[in-house]
Amino acid sequence: MKIMETTAVDPRRGLLEQVVDQFESPLLRYAVGIVRDHALAQDAVQEAFVALSSQWHSGQAPASGDHLRNWLYKVTHDKAVSILRAERTRTRAHEGYAREAAIEADCAGAGDCEVSRETKLQILAESLEALIPSRRQVLLLRLQQGLGHDSIAAITGHSVTHCRKLLHEAVKILNAEVARRLQSREGMRHE
């Protein structure tokens, strides 16, 4: 009888499950783009949902719809950045070793090996590191999540005009960085 009373008293429990079902996958993709690690991204998303639950219990939760979506993206971003800061040194060392091993394995013994799809994706992921966090954030929200400039502005707290500027700069820098890394890799192969 007590379980039934709890369910009847807290109808938000079903609502939270609906919110998790609707937003977990896109938030996870977004967080992975920030922290570059699936497990850490899961932690960030889980912390965002815990924060939402806490907000609901204190009566301060965001309303449904666009405001809720934007709030979840903002909290996920903040949690992911906090996790990223805590893990950055360890992650960089591991990624450095993995990159060197991947380059050696990819072209071991091949005089003129072609850049594989995996290598291209790796170069793209490495190139994202060249972007400052605000540029990376707007780029990921636009490309991964397909959000418009208005939604990106609401999530980031920047003006729509500034978001457009950041996005333009991010694409320009990313293109140059990818080209530089491809040329550098090509130069290493021919030495």
Protein backbone atom coordinates (compact mmCIF):
# COMPACT_ATOMS: atom_id res chain seq x y z
CA MET A 1 0.00 0.00 0.00
CA LYS A 2 2.87 2.35 0.79
CA ILE A 3 4.37 1.91 -2.72
CA MET A 4 1.07 2.83 -4.35
CA GLU A 5 0.85 5.94 -2.19
CA THR A 6 4.37 7.00 -3.20
CA THR A 7 3.53 6.64 -6.88
CA ALA A 8 0.31 8.56 -6.45
CA VAL A 9 2.06 11.32 -4.50
CA ASP A 10 4.92 11.78 -6.99
CA PRO A 11 3.64 11.79 -10.59
CA ARG A 12 6.94 13.36 -11.68
CA ARG A 13 8.58 9.94 -11.52
CA GLY A 14 6.88 8.91 -14.76
CA LEU A 15 7.66 12.31 -16.25
CA LEU A 16 11.35 11.93 -15.41
CA GLU A 17 11.38 8.57 -17.18
CA GLN A 18 9.82 10.20 -20.24
CA VAL A 19 12.39 12.99 -20.17
CA VAL A 20 15.22 10.46 -19.88
CA ASP A 21 13.80 8.43 -22.78
CA GLN A 22 13.50 11.54 -24.95
CA PHE A 23 16.80 13.28 -24.17
CA GLU A 24 19.30 10.65 -23.04
CA SER A 25 20.64 9.70 -26.48
CA PRO A 26 21.06 13.23 -27.88
CA LEU A 27 22.57 14.47 -24.61
CA LEU A 28 24.95 11.53 -24.59
CA ARG A 29 26.09 12.27 -28.17
CA TYR A 30 26.60 15.90 -27.20
CA ALA A 31 28.55 15.04 -24.05
CA VAL A 32 30.74 12.54 -25.94
CA GLY A 33 31.63 15.37 -28.29
CA ILE A 34 32.85 17.40 -25.33
CA VAL A 35 34.64 14.82 -23.18
CA ARG A 36 35.60 12.33 -25.93
CA ASP A 37 34.86 9.38 -23.66
CA HIS A 38 31.60 7.43 -23.57
CA ALA A 39 31.79 6.53 -19.86
CA LEU A 40 32.58 10.12 -18.83
CA ALA A 41 29.79 11.36 -21.09
CA GLN A 42 27.38 8.97 -19.39
CA ASP A 43 28.46 10.41 -16.04
CA ALA A 44 27.75 13.97 -17.25
CA VAL A 45 24.31 13.05 -18.59
CA GLN A 46 23.44 11.10 -15.47
CA GLU A 47 24.45 14.07 -13.32
CA ALA A 48 22.23 16.33 -15.44
CA PHE A 49 19.23 14.06 -14.85
CA VAL A 50 20.03 13.90 -11.13
CA ALA A 51 20.12 17.71 -11.11
CA LEU A 52 16.74 17.78 -12.88
CA SER A 53 15.28 15.40 -10.31
CA SER A 54 16.66 17.57 -7.50
CA GLN A 55 15.18 20.67 -9.12
CA TRP A 56 11.80 18.97 -9.41
CA HIS A 57 11.88 17.91 -5.77
CA SER A 58 12.66 21.46 -4.70
CA GLY A 59 9.93 22.83 -6.98
CA GLN A 60 12.37 24.78 -9.18
CA ALA A 61 12.46 22.59 -12.29
CA PRO A 62 12.38 24.09 -15.76
CA ALA A 63 9.11 23.86 -17.65
CA SER A 64 8.71 21.31 -20.39
CA GLY A 65 9.43 21.94 -24.05
CA ASP A 66 12.26 24.06 -25.38
CA HIS A 67 13.13 25.49 -21.97
CA LEU A 68 13.59 22.00 -20.51
CA ARG A 69 15.68 20.89 -23.51
CA ASN A 70 17.88 23.97 -23.31
CA TRP A 71 18.27 23.58 -19.55
CA LEU A 72 19.31 19.92 -19.95
CA TYR A 73 21.88 20.79 -22.61
CA LYS A 74 23.28 23.60 -20.46
CA VAL A 75 23.56 21.42 -17.36
CA THR A 76 25.03 18.54 -19.38
CA HIS A 77 27.57 20.94 -20.86
CA ASP A 78 28.53 22.29 -17.45
CA LYS A 79 28.87 18.79 -15.99
CA ALA A 80 30.87 17.58 -19.00
CA VAL A 81 33.25 20.54 -18.78
CA SER A 82 33.75 19.88 -15.06
CA ILE A 83 34.51 16.23 -15.76
CA LEU A 84 36.77 17.20 -18.65
CA ARG A 85 38.79 19.53 -16.47
CA ALA A 86 39.21 16.81 -13.85
CA GLU A 87 40.24 14.19 -16.43
CA ARG A 88 42.21 16.32 -18.91
CA THR A 89 45.77 15.46 -17.87
CA ARG A 90 45.16 11.73 -17.67
CA THR A 91 43.16 11.67 -20.90
CA ARG A 92 45.78 13.61 -22.88
CA ALA A 93 48.51 11.17 -21.92
CA HIS A 94 46.39 8.17 -22.91
CA GLU A 95 45.26 9.77 -26.18
CA GLY A 96 48.85 10.62 -27.07
CA TYR A 97 49.93 7.01 -26.70
CA ALA A 98 46.88 5.79 -28.61
CA ARG A 99 47.50 8.23 -31.49
CA GLU A 100 51.12 7.19 -31.85
CA ALA A 101 50.17 3.52 -31.83
CA ALA A 102 47.39 4.08 -34.37
CA ILE A 103 49.69 5.95 -36.75
CA GLU A 104 52.36 3.26 -36.48
CA ALA A 105 49.83 0.45 -36.97
CA ASP A 106 48.03 2.23 -39.81
CA CYS A 107 51.13 2.71 -41.93
CA ALA A 108 53.51 0.04 -40.63
CA GLY A 109 55.52 -1.26 -43.54
CA ALA A 110 53.42 0.54 -46.15
CA GLY A 111 55.41 2.95 -48.26
CA ASP A 112 52.37 4.89 -49.48
CA CYS A 113 49.39 3.96 -47.35
CA GLU A 114 46.07 5.66 -47.97
CA VAL A 115 44.37 7.44 -45.09
CA SER A 116 41.65 5.15 -43.73
CA ARG A 117 38.20 6.30 -42.64
CA GLU A 118 39.13 5.60 -39.02
CA THR A 119 42.25 7.72 -39.38
CA LYS A 120 40.24 10.55 -40.93
CA LEU A 121 37.80 10.41 -38.01
CA GLN A 122 40.72 10.39 -35.61
CA ILE A 123 42.20 13.45 -37.32
CA LEU A 124 38.84 15.20 -37.09
CA ALA A 125 38.54 14.37 -33.38
CA GLU A 126 42.10 15.60 -32.77
CA SER A 127 41.37 18.76 -34.75
CA LEU A 128 38.36 19.54 -32.54
CA GLU A 129 40.86 19.97 -29.71
CA ALA A 130 42.23 23.04 -31.54
CA LEU A 131 38.93 24.82 -30.95
CA ILE A 132 38.33 26.79 -27.80
CA PRO A 133 35.47 25.30 -25.74
CA SER A 134 32.89 27.90 -26.79
CA ARG A 135 33.53 27.27 -30.49
CA ARG A 136 33.54 23.50 -29.99
CA GLN A 137 30.27 23.74 -28.05
CA VAL A 138 28.37 25.64 -30.76
CA LEU A 139 29.80 23.41 -33.50
CA LEU A 140 28.73 20.22 -31.71
CA LEU A 141 25.27 21.58 -30.92
CA ARG A 142 24.80 22.54 -34.57
CA LEU A 143 26.28 19.47 -36.29
CA GLN A 144 25.57 16.66 -33.83
CA GLN A 145 22.27 17.82 -32.43
CA GLY A 146 21.00 19.79 -35.42
CA LEU A 147 19.97 22.73 -33.25
CA GLY A 148 19.24 26.15 -34.69
CA HIS A 149 21.05 29.33 -33.76
CA ASP A 150 18.26 30.40 -31.37
CA SER A 151 18.44 27.15 -29.40
CA ILE A 152 22.23 27.23 -29.35
CA ALA A 153 22.09 30.79 -28.00
CA ALA A 154 19.66 29.75 -25.27
CA ILE A 155 21.87 26.81 -24.25
CA THR A 156 25.18 28.68 -24.30
CA GLY A 157 23.98 32.01 -22.95
CA HIS A 158 25.50 33.87 -25.93
CA SER A 159 23.57 36.09 -28.32
CA VAL A 160 22.38 34.56 -31.59
CA THR A 161 24.80 36.80 -33.50
CA HIS A 162 27.72 35.70 -31.34
CA CYS A 163 26.76 32.04 -31.80
CA ARG A 164 26.78 32.51 -35.58
CA LYS A 165 30.20 34.14 -35.36
CA LEU A 166 31.56 31.34 -33.15
CA LEU A 167 30.16 28.72 -35.52
CA HIS A 168 31.70 30.40 -38.57
CA GLU A 169 35.07 30.68 -36.83
CA ALA A 170 34.89 27.07 -35.64
CA VAL A 171 34.29 25.74 -39.16
CA LYS A 172 37.10 27.87 -40.59
CA ILE A 173 39.59 26.81 -37.90
CA LEU A 174 38.53 23.16 -38.08
CA ASN A 175 39.00 23.06 -41.86
CA ALA A 176 42.49 24.56 -41.56
CA GLU A 177 43.45 22.24 -38.71
CA VAL A 178 42.26 19.10 -40.53
CA ALA A 179 44.19 20.15 -43.66
CA ARG A 180 47.30 20.82 -41.59
CA ARG A 181 47.11 17.45 -39.84
CA LEU A 182 46.53 15.58 -43.10
CA GLN A 183 49.55 17.30 -44.69
CA SER A 184 51.64 16.61 -41.61
CA ARG A 185 50.66 12.95 -41.63
CA GLU A 186 51.38 12.72 -45.35
CA GLY A 187 54.80 14.28 -44.77
CA MET A 188 55.59 11.72 -42.04
CA ARG A 189 54.78 8.85 -44.42
CA HIS A 190 57.16 10.02 -47.12
CA GLU A 191 60.16 10.58 -44.85
